[in-house]
Protein backbone atom coordinates (compact mmCIF):
# COMPACT_ATOMS: atom_id res chain seq x y z
CA MET A 1 -57.39 -97.68 -12.78
CA ASN A 2 -56.11 -94.31 -12.20
CA ALA A 3 -55.60 -93.76 -8.58
CA SER A 4 -54.93 -90.16 -7.72
CA VAL A 5 -52.91 -89.38 -4.72
CA SER A 6 -54.01 -86.32 -2.87
CA ILE A 7 -51.63 -84.48 -0.61
CA PRO A 8 -53.27 -82.92 2.38
CA VAL A 9 -53.14 -79.12 2.27
CA THR A 10 -51.71 -78.89 5.75
CA SER A 11 -48.79 -81.07 4.79
CA LEU A 12 -47.97 -78.88 1.76
CA SER A 13 -48.18 -75.67 3.74
CA GLN A 14 -45.94 -77.15 6.43
CA GLN A 15 -43.37 -78.11 3.81
CA MET A 16 -43.43 -74.63 2.28
CA TRP A 17 -43.04 -73.09 5.72
CA LEU A 18 -40.06 -75.35 6.43
CA VAL A 19 -38.37 -74.32 3.15
CA TYR A 20 -39.07 -70.65 3.92
CA PHE A 21 -37.70 -71.06 7.46
CA ARG A 22 -34.50 -72.73 6.21
CA GLN A 23 -33.89 -69.98 3.63
CA ASN A 24 -34.36 -67.23 6.20
CA LEU A 25 -32.21 -69.01 8.75
CA LEU A 26 -29.43 -69.38 6.19
CA ALA A 27 -29.70 -65.69 5.24
CA ALA A 28 -29.61 -64.63 8.91
CA LEU A 29 -26.55 -66.78 9.58
CA LEU A 30 -24.74 -65.33 6.56
CA ILE A 31 -25.56 -61.77 7.67
CA ALA A 32 -24.31 -62.54 11.20
CA LEU A 33 -21.11 -64.00 9.76
CA VAL A 34 -20.46 -60.94 7.58
CA VAL A 35 -21.15 -58.52 10.44
CA GLY A 36 -18.86 -60.55 12.71
CA LEU A 37 -16.07 -60.42 10.13
CA PHE A 38 -16.44 -56.66 9.78
CA LEU A 39 -16.22 -56.23 13.54
CA LEU A 40 -13.11 -58.38 13.73
CA LEU A 41 -11.38 -56.61 10.85
CA THR A 42 -12.24 -53.03 11.87
CA PRO A 43 -9.18 -51.35 13.40
CA GLY A 44 -9.52 -49.92 16.89
CA THR A 45 -9.04 -46.31 17.87
CA ASP A 46 -5.43 -45.29 18.32
CA TYR A 47 -5.03 -43.09 21.39
CA GLN A 48 -1.57 -41.82 20.50
CA PRO A 49 -0.99 -38.16 19.63
CA ARG A 50 -0.63 -37.37 15.95
CA GLY A 51 0.63 -34.11 14.55
CA ILE A 52 2.20 -32.17 11.77
CA VAL A 53 4.88 -29.52 11.82
CA PHE A 54 5.31 -26.83 9.16
CA PRO A 55 8.95 -25.68 9.20
CA TRP A 56 9.65 -22.17 8.00
CA GLN A 57 13.36 -22.82 8.42
CA LYS A 58 14.83 -26.29 8.78
CA GLN A 59 17.51 -26.51 11.42
CA LYS A 60 19.55 -29.46 12.66
CA ALA A 61 17.35 -31.74 14.77
CA ASN A 62 18.00 -31.85 18.50
CA ASP A 63 16.91 -33.82 21.55
CA ASP A 64 13.30 -33.20 22.60
CA GLN A 65 14.43 -32.87 26.25
CA VAL A 66 15.94 -29.45 25.50
CA VAL A 67 12.67 -28.11 24.05
CA ALA A 68 10.98 -25.78 26.55
CA VAL A 69 7.31 -24.89 26.68
CA LEU A 70 7.18 -21.09 26.64
CA THR A 71 4.46 -18.53 27.22
CA ALA A 72 5.99 -15.72 25.13
CA LEU A 73 8.69 -15.25 22.52
CA PRO A 74 12.03 -14.64 24.27
CA SER A 75 14.23 -11.79 23.09
CA GLY A 76 16.63 -12.88 20.40
CA ALA A 77 14.53 -15.93 19.46
CA ARG A 78 12.87 -16.42 16.10
CA VAL A 79 9.90 -18.48 15.01
CA ILE A 80 10.99 -21.32 12.71
CA GLY A 81 7.65 -23.09 12.23
CA ASN A 82 4.25 -23.94 13.56
CA LEU A 83 2.66 -27.21 14.51
CA ARG A 84 -0.62 -28.87 15.30
CA VAL A 85 -1.16 -31.97 17.44
CA GLU A 86 -4.38 -33.97 17.82
CA LEU A 87 -5.32 -36.76 20.21
CA ALA A 88 -8.42 -38.97 20.17
CA MET A 89 -10.28 -38.97 23.48
CA ALA A 90 -10.44 -42.00 25.72
CA ALA A 91 -12.44 -42.27 28.91
CA GLU A 92 -9.44 -43.39 30.96
CA MET A 93 -7.09 -40.64 29.72
CA SER A 94 -5.49 -38.90 32.71
CA ASP A 95 -3.74 -35.79 31.35
CA PRO A 96 -4.21 -35.14 27.63
CA ARG A 97 -2.47 -31.74 27.73
CA GLN A 98 0.73 -33.33 28.97
CA ARG A 99 0.62 -35.92 26.17
CA LEU A 100 -0.10 -33.21 23.57
CA THR A 101 2.72 -31.02 24.86
CA GLY A 102 5.16 -33.93 24.91
CA TYR A 103 4.43 -34.74 21.29
CA ALA A 104 4.67 -31.04 20.35
CA ARG A 105 8.14 -30.96 21.92
CA LEU A 106 9.12 -34.01 19.87
CA LEU A 107 7.91 -32.38 16.64
CA ALA A 108 9.67 -29.11 17.49
CA ALA A 109 12.92 -30.97 18.13
CA SER A 110 12.64 -32.70 14.75
CA ILE A 111 13.07 -29.36 12.94
CA GLY A 112 15.70 -27.98 15.33
CA GLY A 113 13.53 -25.89 17.62
CA ASN A 114 14.35 -25.44 21.28
CA GLY A 115 11.06 -23.92 22.37
CA VAL A 116 7.34 -24.25 21.81
CA ILE A 117 4.88 -21.40 22.33
CA VAL A 118 1.45 -22.93 22.78
CA THR A 119 -1.15 -20.70 21.16
CA GLY A 120 -4.15 -22.78 22.09
CA TYR A 121 -5.65 -25.92 23.49
CA ALA A 122 -9.08 -27.02 22.35
CA SER A 123 -11.26 -30.06 22.77
CA SER A 124 -14.49 -31.39 21.37
CA GLU A 125 -16.45 -34.51 22.18
CA LYS A 126 -13.93 -36.77 20.43
CA ILE A 127 -10.60 -34.97 20.11
CA TYR A 128 -8.05 -32.81 21.92
CA LEU A 129 -6.08 -30.26 19.92
CA LEU A 130 -2.93 -28.20 20.48
CA GLU A 131 -1.58 -25.46 18.22
CA ALA A 132 1.84 -23.90 18.75
CA TYR A 133 4.78 -22.03 17.23
CA VAL A 134 8.27 -23.52 17.18
CA VAL A 135 11.04 -21.13 18.23
CA LYS A 136 14.83 -21.22 18.07
CA ASN A 137 17.20 -19.11 20.20
């Protein structure tokens, strides 16, 4: 006697649905894990000024406290370089121009300048910018 066992259709479709659900749940958990790892490993925004100075003449470095912010080239002074400073915007930033100018003074002092003539401030939605000449008396 051959007895055939018949599986109800509803039971088979429920099993297939359960397998499908488990596969999708596993895939969703793996995606969430990968996205979470990316978020943890992504570096945050650095809100410190960054800049570059292009010396035309390298002088002995001096203290940045002696670097003055000037509006025009004094008589007897010469331009020894130019610089550019950028700063990423933050909502809680109080005075970005002061931070830009302070870093410009530091860069000017690194090549021996004792004055900075700011030629322009600019800002966009994400960045502040300062451009200046470095002078030496």
